[in-house]
Amino acid sequence: MKIKKIILILSILVVSMLNIGSDFKEYKTLKNNKSPIIKKENLPDEFSDETYNLIIDFIEKTRQLDYEWILYFDYCTGEILKCVKGKSEEVIVTFDENEFKNNPVASIHNHPKNILSPPSAKNFGILKRAFDDYELIAGLEYFWILKAKGLHEHLIEDMNRASEIAFDVSYIFCINHYKKGSVFNKMQDLRYGYELLKYINDENISDIQLTKLEYQYE
């Protein structure tokens, strides 16, 4: 009986690891670097303490990297459900239709320094995933929370267009006021984020919400 129980436990662990993804082992070995963080009270109320610890751990592991990682997790328990390693400008994730049906799901991914910190057009893919309630983006300059519970496929085209316009406006503004370099990048990040926030929140798109958080040292 003991042997059968051990085999059952090992089988569950193997299946769990396969669901999380083969990159999870590498993610766990990433070094934590001292980084500015976000405060627990600025996260959605339904995020648990365990989820907050997961988010801080992710920020400290990925903020200095020049490529992307993404985690999908249960935001009530802090359990990691899927882990995928990406490239310098993207991370590709495939899903099984019923993969997360029993979990309240959020995701978090990092935007390296060569990418603006606010959501890009690709990040609005959350609008076609019914299981995905929140998309968190740990950018170099700011931390972003995109809330989109349920399916909102009717908004995808509008949000893609809004993202493109916001990027063009921010680039034109900065090219007329700053030389290319760190100041240019930071100001474009600010302006692009401002345009997105204005479009989503000021235009009363009630189905989704975008929040910008500033990092702070403890």
N, C-alpha and C. Protein backbone atom coordinates (compact mmCIF):
# COMPACT_ATOMS: atom_id res chain seq x y z
N MET A 1 0.82 -1.21 0.00
CA MET A 1 0.00 0.00 0.00
C MET A 1 0.86 1.26 0.00
N LYS A 2 1.93 1.21 0.78
CA LYS A 2 2.81 2.38 0.84
C LYS A 2 3.43 2.66 -0.52
N ILE A 3 3.84 1.60 -1.22
CA ILE A 3 4.46 1.77 -2.54
C ILE A 3 3.46 2.38 -3.52
N LYS A 4 2.19 1.91 -3.48
CA LYS A 4 1.16 2.45 -4.37
C LYS A 4 0.92 3.94 -4.07
N LYS A 5 0.96 4.28 -2.79
CA LYS A 5 0.73 5.68 -2.39
C LYS A 5 1.86 6.57 -2.89
N ILE A 6 3.10 6.06 -2.77
CA ILE A 6 4.26 6.83 -3.23
C ILE A 6 4.19 7.03 -4.75
N ILE A 7 3.81 5.95 -5.47
CA ILE A 7 3.70 6.04 -6.92
C ILE A 7 2.64 7.06 -7.32
N LEU A 8 1.51 7.06 -6.58
CA LEU A 8 0.43 8.00 -6.86
C LEU A 8 0.89 9.43 -6.66
N ILE A 9 1.61 9.69 -5.56
CA ILE A 9 2.12 11.04 -5.27
C ILE A 9 3.10 11.48 -6.35
N LEU A 10 4.00 10.58 -6.74
CA LEU A 10 4.98 10.91 -7.79
C LEU A 10 4.28 11.20 -9.12
N SER A 11 3.24 10.44 -9.41
CA SER A 11 2.49 10.65 -10.65
C SER A 11 1.84 12.02 -10.66
N ILE A 12 1.26 12.40 -9.53
CA ILE A 12 0.63 13.72 -9.42
C ILE A 12 1.66 14.82 -9.60
N LEU A 13 2.85 14.64 -9.01
CA LEU A 13 3.91 15.64 -9.13
C LEU A 13 4.38 15.77 -10.57
N VAL A 14 4.51 14.63 -11.26
CA VAL A 14 4.96 14.65 -12.65
C VAL A 14 3.95 15.38 -13.52
N VAL A 15 2.66 15.07 -13.35
CA VAL A 15 1.61 15.73 -14.12
C VAL A 15 1.60 17.22 -13.84
N SER A 16 1.76 17.56 -12.56
CA SER A 16 1.79 18.98 -12.16
C SER A 16 2.93 19.71 -12.84
N MET A 17 4.12 19.09 -12.87
CA MET A 17 5.28 19.72 -13.50
C MET A 17 5.07 19.87 -15.01
N LEU A 18 4.41 18.88 -15.63
CA LEU A 18 4.15 18.98 -17.07
C LEU A 18 3.21 20.12 -17.36
N ASN A 19 2.21 20.33 -16.49
CA ASN A 19 1.27 21.42 -16.68
C ASN A 19 1.96 22.77 -16.51
N ILE A 20 2.82 22.88 -15.50
CA ILE A 20 3.53 24.14 -15.26
C ILE A 20 4.44 24.47 -16.43
N GLY A 21 5.09 23.48 -16.98
CA GLY A 21 5.98 23.69 -18.12
C GLY A 21 7.41 23.33 -17.80
N SER A 22 8.14 22.97 -18.82
CA SER A 22 9.52 22.51 -18.64
C SER A 22 10.47 23.64 -18.26
N ASP A 23 10.04 24.90 -18.44
CA ASP A 23 10.90 26.04 -18.09
C ASP A 23 10.88 26.37 -16.60
N PHE A 24 9.96 25.77 -15.86
CA PHE A 24 9.78 26.13 -14.45
C PHE A 24 11.05 25.88 -13.64
N LYS A 25 11.71 24.76 -13.91
CA LYS A 25 12.93 24.44 -13.16
C LYS A 25 13.98 25.53 -13.34
N GLU A 26 14.14 26.03 -14.57
CA GLU A 26 15.10 27.11 -14.82
C GLU A 26 14.67 28.40 -14.13
N TYR A 27 13.37 28.69 -14.18
CA TYR A 27 12.86 29.91 -13.53
C TYR A 27 13.20 29.92 -12.04
N LYS A 28 13.06 28.78 -11.39
CA LYS A 28 13.33 28.70 -9.95
C LYS A 28 14.79 28.98 -9.62
N THR A 29 15.69 28.78 -10.57
CA THR A 29 17.12 29.00 -10.32
C THR A 29 17.55 30.44 -10.61
N LEU A 30 16.66 31.27 -11.17
CA LEU A 30 17.03 32.66 -11.46
C LEU A 30 17.38 33.38 -10.16
N LYS A 31 18.39 34.21 -10.24
CA LYS A 31 18.86 34.92 -9.05
C LYS A 31 17.95 36.10 -8.73
N ASN A 32 17.65 36.26 -7.46
CA ASN A 32 16.90 37.43 -7.00
C ASN A 32 17.84 38.60 -6.81
N ASN A 33 17.56 39.71 -7.50
CA ASN A 33 18.36 40.92 -7.37
C ASN A 33 17.56 41.98 -6.63
N LYS A 34 18.23 42.74 -5.79
CA LYS A 34 17.55 43.79 -5.05
C LYS A 34 16.93 44.77 -6.03
N SER A 35 15.63 44.97 -5.93
CA SER A 35 14.91 45.83 -6.87
C SER A 35 13.85 46.63 -6.12
N PRO A 36 13.46 47.77 -6.67
CA PRO A 36 12.30 48.46 -6.11
C PRO A 36 11.06 47.60 -6.34
N ILE A 37 10.11 47.68 -5.45
CA ILE A 37 8.95 46.80 -5.52
C ILE A 37 7.66 47.60 -5.50
N ILE A 38 6.55 46.92 -5.55
CA ILE A 38 5.24 47.54 -5.40
C ILE A 38 4.67 47.15 -4.05
N LYS A 39 3.69 47.90 -3.58
CA LYS A 39 3.09 47.66 -2.27
C LYS A 39 1.86 46.76 -2.39
N LYS A 40 1.66 45.93 -1.39
CA LYS A 40 0.53 44.99 -1.39
C LYS A 40 -0.81 45.73 -1.49
N GLU A 41 -0.92 46.87 -0.81
CA GLU A 41 -2.21 47.58 -0.80
C GLU A 41 -2.59 48.16 -2.17
N ASN A 42 -1.65 48.18 -3.10
CA ASN A 42 -1.94 48.71 -4.44
C ASN A 42 -2.40 47.62 -5.42
N LEU A 43 -2.40 46.38 -4.96
CA LEU A 43 -2.87 45.28 -5.79
C LEU A 43 -4.37 45.08 -5.58
N PRO A 44 -5.04 44.37 -6.48
CA PRO A 44 -6.47 44.07 -6.27
C PRO A 44 -6.70 43.39 -4.92
N ASP A 45 -7.79 43.71 -4.27
CA ASP A 45 -8.09 43.17 -2.94
C ASP A 45 -8.13 41.65 -2.90
N GLU A 46 -8.50 41.03 -4.02
CA GLU A 46 -8.63 39.57 -4.04
C GLU A 46 -7.30 38.84 -4.18
N PHE A 47 -6.22 39.58 -4.36
CA PHE A 47 -4.89 38.96 -4.43
C PHE A 47 -4.42 38.62 -3.01
N SER A 48 -4.01 37.39 -2.80
CA SER A 48 -3.60 36.92 -1.47
C SER A 48 -2.18 37.36 -1.13
N ASP A 49 -1.79 37.15 0.13
CA ASP A 49 -0.41 37.42 0.56
C ASP A 49 0.56 36.54 -0.22
N GLU A 50 0.17 35.29 -0.46
CA GLU A 50 1.03 34.37 -1.22
C GLU A 50 1.24 34.88 -2.65
N THR A 51 0.18 35.45 -3.22
CA THR A 51 0.29 36.01 -4.57
C THR A 51 1.21 37.22 -4.57
N TYR A 52 1.10 38.05 -3.55
CA TYR A 52 1.99 39.21 -3.45
C TYR A 52 3.46 38.76 -3.38
N ASN A 53 3.74 37.75 -2.60
CA ASN A 53 5.11 37.23 -2.50
C ASN A 53 5.59 36.70 -3.84
N LEU A 54 4.70 36.03 -4.57
CA LEU A 54 5.04 35.53 -5.91
C LEU A 54 5.41 36.69 -6.83
N ILE A 55 4.64 37.78 -6.77
CA ILE A 55 4.88 38.94 -7.63
C ILE A 55 6.22 39.60 -7.31
N ILE A 56 6.51 39.77 -6.02
CA ILE A 56 7.79 40.38 -5.62
C ILE A 56 8.95 39.50 -6.07
N ASP A 57 8.81 38.19 -5.88
CA ASP A 57 9.85 37.25 -6.32
C ASP A 57 10.07 37.37 -7.82
N PHE A 58 8.98 37.50 -8.59
CA PHE A 58 9.10 37.62 -10.05
C PHE A 58 9.82 38.91 -10.43
N ILE A 59 9.46 40.02 -9.80
CA ILE A 59 10.12 41.29 -10.09
C ILE A 59 11.63 41.19 -9.84
N GLU A 60 11.99 40.61 -8.70
CA GLU A 60 13.41 40.53 -8.33
C GLU A 60 14.18 39.56 -9.22
N LYS A 61 13.51 38.56 -9.77
CA LYS A 61 14.18 37.61 -10.66
C LYS A 61 14.34 38.15 -12.08
N THR A 62 13.41 38.98 -12.53
CA THR A 62 13.35 39.28 -13.97
C THR A 62 13.67 40.73 -14.34
N ARG A 63 13.73 41.64 -13.37
CA ARG A 63 13.82 43.07 -13.72
C ARG A 63 15.12 43.41 -14.45
N GLN A 64 16.18 42.65 -14.24
CA GLN A 64 17.45 42.95 -14.89
C GLN A 64 17.68 42.13 -16.17
N LEU A 65 16.73 41.31 -16.54
CA LEU A 65 16.91 40.43 -17.70
C LEU A 65 16.61 41.15 -19.00
N ASP A 66 17.21 40.67 -20.09
CA ASP A 66 16.97 41.25 -21.41
C ASP A 66 16.08 40.35 -22.27
N TYR A 67 15.35 39.47 -21.62
CA TYR A 67 14.37 38.62 -22.30
C TYR A 67 13.19 38.42 -21.36
N GLU A 68 12.11 37.86 -21.87
CA GLU A 68 10.87 37.79 -21.11
C GLU A 68 10.61 36.43 -20.47
N TRP A 69 9.90 36.49 -19.35
CA TRP A 69 9.30 35.32 -18.72
C TRP A 69 7.82 35.61 -18.49
N ILE A 70 7.02 34.56 -18.42
CA ILE A 70 5.61 34.73 -18.06
C ILE A 70 5.18 33.61 -17.13
N LEU A 71 4.42 33.98 -16.11
CA LEU A 71 3.82 33.02 -15.20
C LEU A 71 2.31 33.19 -15.25
N TYR A 72 1.58 32.08 -15.24
CA TYR A 72 0.15 32.08 -14.96
C TYR A 72 -0.03 31.48 -13.58
N PHE A 73 -0.88 32.12 -12.77
CA PHE A 73 -0.99 31.67 -11.38
C PHE A 73 -2.40 31.85 -10.84
N ASP A 74 -2.70 31.12 -9.80
CA ASP A 74 -3.96 31.26 -9.07
C ASP A 74 -3.79 32.43 -8.11
N TYR A 75 -4.55 33.52 -8.32
CA TYR A 75 -4.30 34.72 -7.53
C TYR A 75 -4.92 34.67 -6.13
N CYS A 76 -5.63 33.58 -5.82
CA CYS A 76 -6.12 33.40 -4.45
C CYS A 76 -5.14 32.58 -3.60
N THR A 77 -4.41 31.67 -4.23
CA THR A 77 -3.49 30.81 -3.49
C THR A 77 -2.01 31.13 -3.75
N GLY A 78 -1.73 31.81 -4.87
CA GLY A 78 -0.35 32.08 -5.24
C GLY A 78 0.33 30.89 -5.92
N GLU A 79 -0.45 29.87 -6.27
CA GLU A 79 0.12 28.68 -6.92
C GLU A 79 0.45 28.99 -8.38
N ILE A 80 1.67 28.67 -8.81
CA ILE A 80 2.07 28.83 -10.21
C ILE A 80 1.45 27.70 -11.02
N LEU A 81 0.73 28.06 -12.08
CA LEU A 81 0.04 27.09 -12.92
C LEU A 81 0.76 26.83 -14.23
N LYS A 82 1.48 27.82 -14.73
CA LYS A 82 2.20 27.68 -15.99
C LYS A 82 3.37 28.65 -16.00
N CYS A 83 4.49 28.21 -16.54
CA CYS A 83 5.71 29.03 -16.58
C CYS A 83 6.37 28.85 -17.94
N VAL A 84 6.61 29.96 -18.63
CA VAL A 84 7.19 29.90 -19.98
C VAL A 84 8.30 30.94 -20.13
N LYS A 85 9.40 30.52 -20.68
CA LYS A 85 10.52 31.41 -20.98
C LYS A 85 10.35 31.96 -22.40
N GLY A 86 10.55 33.27 -22.55
CA GLY A 86 10.40 33.89 -23.86
C GLY A 86 11.71 34.38 -24.44
N LYS A 87 11.60 35.31 -25.38
CA LYS A 87 12.75 35.91 -26.04
C LYS A 87 12.84 37.38 -25.67
N SER A 88 13.64 38.15 -26.40
CA SER A 88 13.89 39.54 -26.03
C SER A 88 12.66 40.42 -26.21
N GLU A 89 11.76 40.08 -27.12
CA GLU A 89 10.61 40.95 -27.38
C GLU A 89 9.27 40.21 -27.36
N GLU A 90 9.26 38.95 -26.97
CA GLU A 90 8.00 38.24 -26.93
C GLU A 90 8.13 36.94 -26.14
N VAL A 91 6.99 36.46 -25.69
CA VAL A 91 6.92 35.14 -25.09
C VAL A 91 5.65 34.49 -25.61
N ILE A 92 5.78 33.30 -26.15
CA ILE A 92 4.66 32.61 -26.80
C ILE A 92 4.14 31.51 -25.88
N VAL A 93 2.83 31.53 -25.63
CA VAL A 93 2.22 30.54 -24.74
C VAL A 93 1.05 29.88 -25.47
N THR A 94 0.97 28.56 -25.37
CA THR A 94 -0.18 27.83 -25.90
C THR A 94 -0.97 27.26 -24.73
N PHE A 95 -2.28 27.13 -24.93
CA PHE A 95 -3.15 26.70 -23.84
C PHE A 95 -4.02 25.53 -24.27
N ASP A 96 -4.31 24.67 -23.30
CA ASP A 96 -5.36 23.69 -23.44
C ASP A 96 -6.68 24.38 -23.07
N GLU A 97 -7.75 24.05 -23.74
CA GLU A 97 -9.02 24.74 -23.56
C GLU A 97 -9.49 24.76 -22.11
N ASN A 98 -9.29 23.68 -21.38
CA ASN A 98 -9.78 23.58 -20.00
C ASN A 98 -8.65 23.60 -18.97
N GLU A 99 -7.52 24.15 -19.36
CA GLU A 99 -6.32 24.07 -18.52
C GLU A 99 -6.50 24.71 -17.14
N PHE A 100 -7.20 25.83 -17.08
CA PHE A 100 -7.29 26.57 -15.83
C PHE A 100 -8.73 26.71 -15.33
N LYS A 101 -9.60 25.78 -15.70
CA LYS A 101 -11.03 25.97 -15.46
C LYS A 101 -11.40 26.03 -13.98
N ASN A 102 -10.57 25.50 -13.10
CA ASN A 102 -10.90 25.48 -11.67
C ASN A 102 -10.13 26.52 -10.87
N ASN A 103 -9.49 27.47 -11.54
CA ASN A 103 -8.66 28.45 -10.84
C ASN A 103 -9.03 29.88 -11.24
N PRO A 104 -8.96 30.82 -10.30
CA PRO A 104 -9.01 32.25 -10.64
C PRO A 104 -7.62 32.65 -11.12
N VAL A 105 -7.49 33.00 -12.38
CA VAL A 105 -6.17 33.09 -13.02
C VAL A 105 -5.76 34.53 -13.34
N ALA A 106 -4.48 34.79 -13.06
CA ALA A 106 -3.82 36.02 -13.50
C ALA A 106 -2.48 35.62 -14.11
N SER A 107 -1.90 36.52 -14.88
CA SER A 107 -0.57 36.27 -15.42
C SER A 107 0.33 37.46 -15.11
N ILE A 108 1.63 37.20 -15.11
CA ILE A 108 2.61 38.27 -14.95
C ILE A 108 3.76 38.01 -15.91
N HIS A 109 4.19 39.05 -16.63
CA HIS A 109 5.37 38.92 -17.47
C HIS A 109 6.18 40.21 -17.38
N ASN A 110 7.43 40.11 -17.72
CA ASN A 110 8.32 41.28 -17.65
C ASN A 110 8.51 41.88 -19.04
N HIS A 111 8.67 43.20 -19.07
CA HIS A 111 9.08 43.91 -20.28
C HIS A 111 10.51 44.39 -20.07
N PRO A 112 11.47 43.83 -20.81
CA PRO A 112 12.87 44.27 -20.68
C PRO A 112 13.03 45.73 -21.08
N LYS A 113 14.22 46.26 -20.85
CA LYS A 113 14.46 47.69 -21.05
C LYS A 113 14.31 48.14 -22.49
N ASN A 114 14.40 47.23 -23.45
CA ASN A 114 14.24 47.61 -24.86
C ASN A 114 12.77 47.67 -25.28
N ILE A 115 11.85 47.42 -24.33
CA ILE A 115 10.42 47.46 -24.62
C ILE A 115 9.76 48.46 -23.67
N LEU A 116 8.83 49.27 -24.17
CA LEU A 116 8.10 50.18 -23.30
C LEU A 116 7.35 49.39 -22.24
N SER A 117 7.26 49.96 -21.04
CA SER A 117 6.68 49.19 -19.94
C SER A 117 5.16 48.99 -20.02
N PRO A 118 4.35 49.91 -20.58
CA PRO A 118 2.91 49.68 -20.62
C PRO A 118 2.53 48.51 -21.54
N PRO A 119 1.26 48.09 -21.49
CA PRO A 119 0.82 46.99 -22.37
C PRO A 119 1.03 47.33 -23.84
N SER A 120 1.47 46.34 -24.59
CA SER A 120 1.55 46.49 -26.04
C SER A 120 0.27 45.93 -26.64
N ALA A 121 0.11 46.05 -27.93
CA ALA A 121 -1.09 45.53 -28.60
C ALA A 121 -1.25 44.03 -28.32
N LYS A 122 -0.12 43.29 -28.28
CA LYS A 122 -0.19 41.85 -28.05
C LYS A 122 -0.78 41.51 -26.70
N ASN A 123 -0.57 42.39 -25.72
CA ASN A 123 -1.06 42.11 -24.37
C ASN A 123 -2.57 42.15 -24.26
N PHE A 124 -3.24 42.75 -25.23
CA PHE A 124 -4.69 42.79 -25.19
C PHE A 124 -5.32 41.48 -25.68
N GLY A 125 -4.47 40.48 -25.91
CA GLY A 125 -4.96 39.13 -26.15
C GLY A 125 -5.74 38.59 -24.98
N ILE A 126 -5.54 39.18 -23.79
CA ILE A 126 -6.31 38.78 -22.61
C ILE A 126 -7.81 38.91 -22.85
N LEU A 127 -8.20 39.80 -23.76
CA LEU A 127 -9.61 40.05 -24.01
C LEU A 127 -10.33 38.86 -24.67
N LYS A 128 -9.55 37.93 -25.22
CA LYS A 128 -10.16 36.74 -25.83
C LYS A 128 -9.93 35.47 -25.01
N ARG A 129 -9.47 35.65 -23.75
CA ARG A 129 -9.26 34.51 -22.86
C ARG A 129 -10.20 34.63 -21.67
N ALA A 130 -11.24 33.83 -21.64
CA ALA A 130 -12.24 33.92 -20.57
C ALA A 130 -11.65 33.56 -19.22
N PHE A 131 -10.63 32.71 -19.19
CA PHE A 131 -10.08 32.25 -17.91
C PHE A 131 -9.12 33.25 -17.27
N ASP A 132 -8.67 34.24 -18.01
CA ASP A 132 -7.59 35.13 -17.59
C ASP A 132 -8.17 36.46 -17.11
N ASP A 133 -8.13 36.72 -15.80
CA ASP A 133 -8.77 37.90 -15.23
C ASP A 133 -7.87 39.13 -15.19
N TYR A 134 -6.57 38.90 -14.98
CA TYR A 134 -5.62 40.00 -14.84
C TYR A 134 -4.35 39.69 -15.62
N GLU A 135 -3.79 40.72 -16.24
CA GLU A 135 -2.45 40.62 -16.84
C GLU A 135 -1.58 41.67 -16.17
N LEU A 136 -0.53 41.21 -15.50
CA LEU A 136 0.40 42.10 -14.81
C LEU A 136 1.67 42.22 -15.63
N ILE A 137 2.17 43.45 -15.75
CA ILE A 137 3.36 43.69 -16.56
C ILE A 137 4.40 44.39 -15.70
N ALA A 138 5.51 43.70 -15.50
CA ALA A 138 6.62 44.27 -14.73
C ALA A 138 7.59 44.92 -15.70
N GLY A 139 7.32 46.18 -16.04
CA GLY A 139 8.21 46.92 -16.92
C GLY A 139 9.38 47.50 -16.15
N LEU A 140 10.36 47.99 -16.86
CA LEU A 140 11.52 48.57 -16.20
C LEU A 140 11.15 49.87 -15.49
N GLU A 141 10.29 50.68 -16.08
CA GLU A 141 9.93 51.97 -15.51
C GLU A 141 8.74 51.89 -14.55
N TYR A 142 7.72 51.13 -14.92
CA TYR A 142 6.49 51.07 -14.13
C TYR A 142 5.91 49.66 -14.13
N PHE A 143 5.02 49.43 -13.19
CA PHE A 143 4.30 48.16 -13.07
C PHE A 143 2.85 48.41 -13.46
N TRP A 144 2.28 47.54 -14.30
CA TRP A 144 0.95 47.75 -14.86
C TRP A 144 0.03 46.59 -14.52
N ILE A 145 -1.24 46.92 -14.24
CA ILE A 145 -2.26 45.91 -13.99
C ILE A 145 -3.38 46.11 -15.00
N LEU A 146 -3.58 45.13 -15.87
CA LEU A 146 -4.66 45.16 -16.85
C LEU A 146 -5.72 44.17 -16.39
N LYS A 147 -6.88 44.68 -16.00
CA LYS A 147 -7.99 43.84 -15.53
C LYS A 147 -9.00 43.67 -16.66
N ALA A 148 -9.34 42.42 -16.96
CA ALA A 148 -10.30 42.15 -18.03
C ALA A 148 -10.97 40.81 -17.74
N LYS A 149 -11.95 40.80 -16.87
CA LYS A 149 -12.62 39.56 -16.51
C LYS A 149 -13.65 39.19 -17.57
N GLY A 150 -13.60 37.94 -17.99
CA GLY A 150 -14.54 37.47 -19.00
C GLY A 150 -14.05 37.72 -20.42
N LEU A 151 -14.88 37.41 -21.39
CA LEU A 151 -14.55 37.59 -22.80
C LEU A 151 -14.97 38.98 -23.28
N HIS A 152 -14.04 39.64 -23.98
CA HIS A 152 -14.33 40.97 -24.53
C HIS A 152 -13.73 41.09 -25.94
N GLU A 153 -14.00 40.09 -26.75
CA GLU A 153 -13.40 40.04 -28.08
C GLU A 153 -13.80 41.24 -28.94
N HIS A 154 -14.95 41.82 -28.65
CA HIS A 154 -15.41 42.97 -29.43
C HIS A 154 -14.52 44.20 -29.24
N LEU A 155 -13.68 44.16 -28.20
CA LEU A 155 -12.80 45.31 -27.92
C LEU A 155 -11.39 45.16 -28.49
N ILE A 156 -11.06 43.96 -28.97
CA ILE A 156 -9.67 43.70 -29.38
C ILE A 156 -9.23 44.63 -30.50
N GLU A 157 -10.04 44.77 -31.53
CA GLU A 157 -9.66 45.63 -32.66
C GLU A 157 -9.47 47.08 -32.21
N ASP A 158 -10.39 47.57 -31.38
CA ASP A 158 -10.27 48.94 -30.89
C ASP A 158 -9.01 49.14 -30.06
N MET A 159 -8.70 48.16 -29.21
CA MET A 159 -7.53 48.30 -28.34
C MET A 159 -6.23 48.18 -29.13
N ASN A 160 -6.21 47.34 -30.14
CA ASN A 160 -5.03 47.26 -31.00
C ASN A 160 -4.78 48.60 -31.70
N ARG A 161 -5.87 49.19 -32.19
CA ARG A 161 -5.76 50.48 -32.86
C ARG A 161 -5.33 51.57 -31.87
N ALA A 162 -5.91 51.55 -30.66
CA ALA A 162 -5.55 52.53 -29.64
C ALA A 162 -4.09 52.42 -29.25
N SER A 163 -3.59 51.19 -29.15
CA SER A 163 -2.18 50.97 -28.81
C SER A 163 -1.26 51.51 -29.90
N GLU A 164 -1.61 51.26 -31.15
CA GLU A 164 -0.80 51.76 -32.27
C GLU A 164 -0.78 53.29 -32.30
N ILE A 165 -1.96 53.90 -32.10
CA ILE A 165 -2.05 55.37 -32.11
C ILE A 165 -1.26 55.95 -30.94
N ALA A 166 -1.40 55.35 -29.75
CA ALA A 166 -0.68 55.83 -28.57
C ALA A 166 0.83 55.76 -28.79
N PHE A 167 1.29 54.68 -29.42
CA PHE A 167 2.72 54.54 -29.70
C PHE A 167 3.18 55.63 -30.67
N ASP A 168 2.42 55.83 -31.74
CA ASP A 168 2.81 56.84 -32.74
C ASP A 168 2.82 58.24 -32.14
N VAL A 169 1.80 58.55 -31.34
CA VAL A 169 1.73 59.88 -30.71
C VAL A 169 2.91 60.09 -29.78
N SER A 170 3.24 59.06 -28.99
CA SER A 170 4.35 59.19 -28.05
C SER A 170 5.68 59.33 -28.77
N TYR A 171 5.84 58.60 -29.87
CA TYR A 171 7.10 58.69 -30.63
C TYR A 171 7.26 60.05 -31.29
N ILE A 172 6.20 60.53 -31.92
CA ILE A 172 6.27 61.84 -32.60
C ILE A 172 6.53 62.95 -31.59
N PHE A 173 5.85 62.88 -30.45
CA PHE A 173 6.05 63.89 -29.42
C PHE A 173 7.51 63.91 -28.96
N CYS A 174 8.06 62.72 -28.70
CA CYS A 174 9.43 62.66 -28.17
C CYS A 174 10.48 63.00 -29.22
N ILE A 175 10.24 62.61 -30.46
CA ILE A 175 11.22 62.89 -31.51
C ILE A 175 11.33 64.40 -31.74
N ASN A 176 10.27 65.14 -31.40
CA ASN A 176 10.27 66.59 -31.55
C ASN A 176 10.82 67.33 -30.34
N HIS A 177 11.05 66.62 -29.25
CA HIS A 177 11.48 67.29 -28.02
C HIS A 177 12.77 66.73 -27.41
N TYR A 178 13.15 65.51 -27.78
CA TYR A 178 14.31 64.89 -27.13
C TYR A 178 15.19 64.17 -28.15
N LYS A 179 16.46 64.10 -27.82
CA LYS A 179 17.38 63.29 -28.62
C LYS A 179 17.22 61.83 -28.22
N LYS A 180 17.52 60.94 -29.16
CA LYS A 180 17.45 59.51 -28.87
C LYS A 180 18.38 59.19 -27.71
N GLY A 181 17.92 58.37 -26.80
CA GLY A 181 18.71 58.01 -25.63
C GLY A 181 17.80 57.68 -24.46
N SER A 182 18.36 57.62 -23.26
CA SER A 182 17.62 57.19 -22.08
C SER A 182 16.47 58.14 -21.75
N VAL A 183 16.70 59.45 -21.90
CA VAL A 183 15.64 60.42 -21.61
C VAL A 183 14.49 60.25 -22.60
N PHE A 184 14.84 60.10 -23.88
CA PHE A 184 13.85 59.88 -24.93
C PHE A 184 13.01 58.65 -24.59
N ASN A 185 13.67 57.53 -24.23
CA ASN A 185 12.96 56.29 -23.93
C ASN A 185 12.03 56.44 -22.74
N LYS A 186 12.52 57.12 -21.70
CA LYS A 186 11.70 57.29 -20.50
C LYS A 186 10.48 58.17 -20.79
N MET A 187 10.68 59.23 -21.54
CA MET A 187 9.57 60.12 -21.84
C MET A 187 8.56 59.47 -22.78
N GLN A 188 9.05 58.64 -23.71
CA GLN A 188 8.12 57.92 -24.57
C GLN A 188 7.31 56.92 -23.76
N ASP A 189 7.97 56.26 -22.81
CA ASP A 189 7.28 55.33 -21.92
C ASP A 189 6.14 56.05 -21.18
N LEU A 190 6.46 57.23 -20.65
CA LEU A 190 5.47 58.03 -19.92
C LEU A 190 4.30 58.43 -20.82
N ARG A 191 4.63 58.93 -22.01
CA ARG A 191 3.58 59.43 -22.90
C ARG A 191 2.72 58.30 -23.45
N TYR A 192 3.34 57.20 -23.82
CA TYR A 192 2.59 56.06 -24.33
C TYR A 192 1.62 55.54 -23.26
N GLY A 193 2.13 55.41 -22.02
CA GLY A 193 1.28 54.97 -20.92
C GLY A 193 0.15 55.93 -20.65
N TYR A 194 0.43 57.22 -20.72
CA TYR A 194 -0.59 58.26 -20.50
C TYR A 194 -1.71 58.13 -21.53
N GLU A 195 -1.34 57.94 -22.79
CA GLU A 195 -2.34 57.84 -23.86
C GLU A 195 -3.22 56.60 -23.67
N LEU A 196 -2.61 55.47 -23.28
CA LEU A 196 -3.38 54.26 -23.05
C LEU A 196 -4.34 54.41 -21.87
N LEU A 197 -3.83 54.96 -20.77
CA LEU A 197 -4.67 55.18 -19.59
C LEU A 197 -5.86 56.08 -19.92
N LYS A 198 -5.58 57.12 -20.67
CA LYS A 198 -6.63 58.07 -21.03
C LYS A 198 -7.69 57.39 -21.88
N TYR A 199 -7.27 56.60 -22.84
CA TYR A 199 -8.23 55.95 -23.73
C TYR A 199 -9.09 54.94 -22.98
N ILE A 200 -8.45 54.10 -22.17
CA ILE A 200 -9.19 53.03 -21.48
C ILE A 200 -10.04 53.57 -20.34
N ASN A 201 -9.44 54.38 -19.49
CA ASN A 201 -10.14 54.80 -18.28
C ASN A 201 -10.99 56.06 -18.48
N ASP A 202 -10.49 57.05 -19.20
CA ASP A 202 -11.25 58.29 -19.39
C ASP A 202 -12.36 58.14 -20.41
N GLU A 203 -12.21 57.21 -21.34
CA GLU A 203 -13.25 57.00 -22.34
C GLU A 203 -14.33 56.04 -21.84
N ASN A 204 -14.22 55.65 -20.57
CA ASN A 204 -15.24 54.82 -19.93
C ASN A 204 -15.46 53.48 -20.63
N ILE A 205 -14.36 52.81 -20.95
CA ILE A 205 -14.46 51.44 -21.42
C ILE A 205 -14.60 50.58 -20.17
N SER A 206 -15.82 50.30 -19.77
CA SER A 206 -16.09 49.75 -18.45
C SER A 206 -15.69 48.29 -18.30
N ASP A 207 -15.55 47.58 -19.41
CA ASP A 207 -15.24 46.16 -19.32
C ASP A 207 -13.79 45.87 -18.93
N ILE A 208 -12.92 46.85 -19.11
CA ILE A 208 -11.51 46.65 -18.77
C ILE A 208 -11.00 47.85 -17.98
N GLN A 209 -9.93 47.62 -17.24
CA GLN A 209 -9.34 48.69 -16.44
C GLN A 209 -7.82 48.55 -16.46
N LEU A 210 -7.13 49.67 -16.60
CA LEU A 210 -5.68 49.69 -16.62
C LEU A 210 -5.18 50.57 -15.46
N THR A 211 -4.25 50.02 -14.68
CA THR A 211 -3.69 50.73 -13.53
C THR A 211 -2.17 50.77 -13.65
N LYS A 212 -1.60 51.93 -13.37
CA LYS A 212 -0.15 52.12 -13.40
C LYS A 212 0.36 52.29 -11.97
N LEU A 213 1.39 51.53 -11.60
CA LEU A 213 1.98 51.63 -10.27
C LEU A 213 3.45 52.01 -10.38
N GLU A 214 3.92 52.82 -9.46
CA GLU A 214 5.32 53.17 -9.41
C GLU A 214 6.05 52.24 -8.45
N TYR A 215 7.26 51.87 -8.81
CA TYR A 215 8.09 51.06 -7.93
C TYR A 215 8.60 51.90 -6.76
N GLN A 216 8.82 51.22 -5.63
CA GLN A 216 9.36 51.88 -4.46
C GLN A 216 10.37 50.97 -3.78
N TYR A 217 11.41 51.55 -3.24
CA TYR A 217 12.35 50.77 -2.43
C TYR A 217 11.77 50.60 -1.05
N GLU A 218 11.99 49.42 -0.45
CA GLU A 218 11.48 49.17 0.90
C GLU A 218 12.18 50.08 1.91
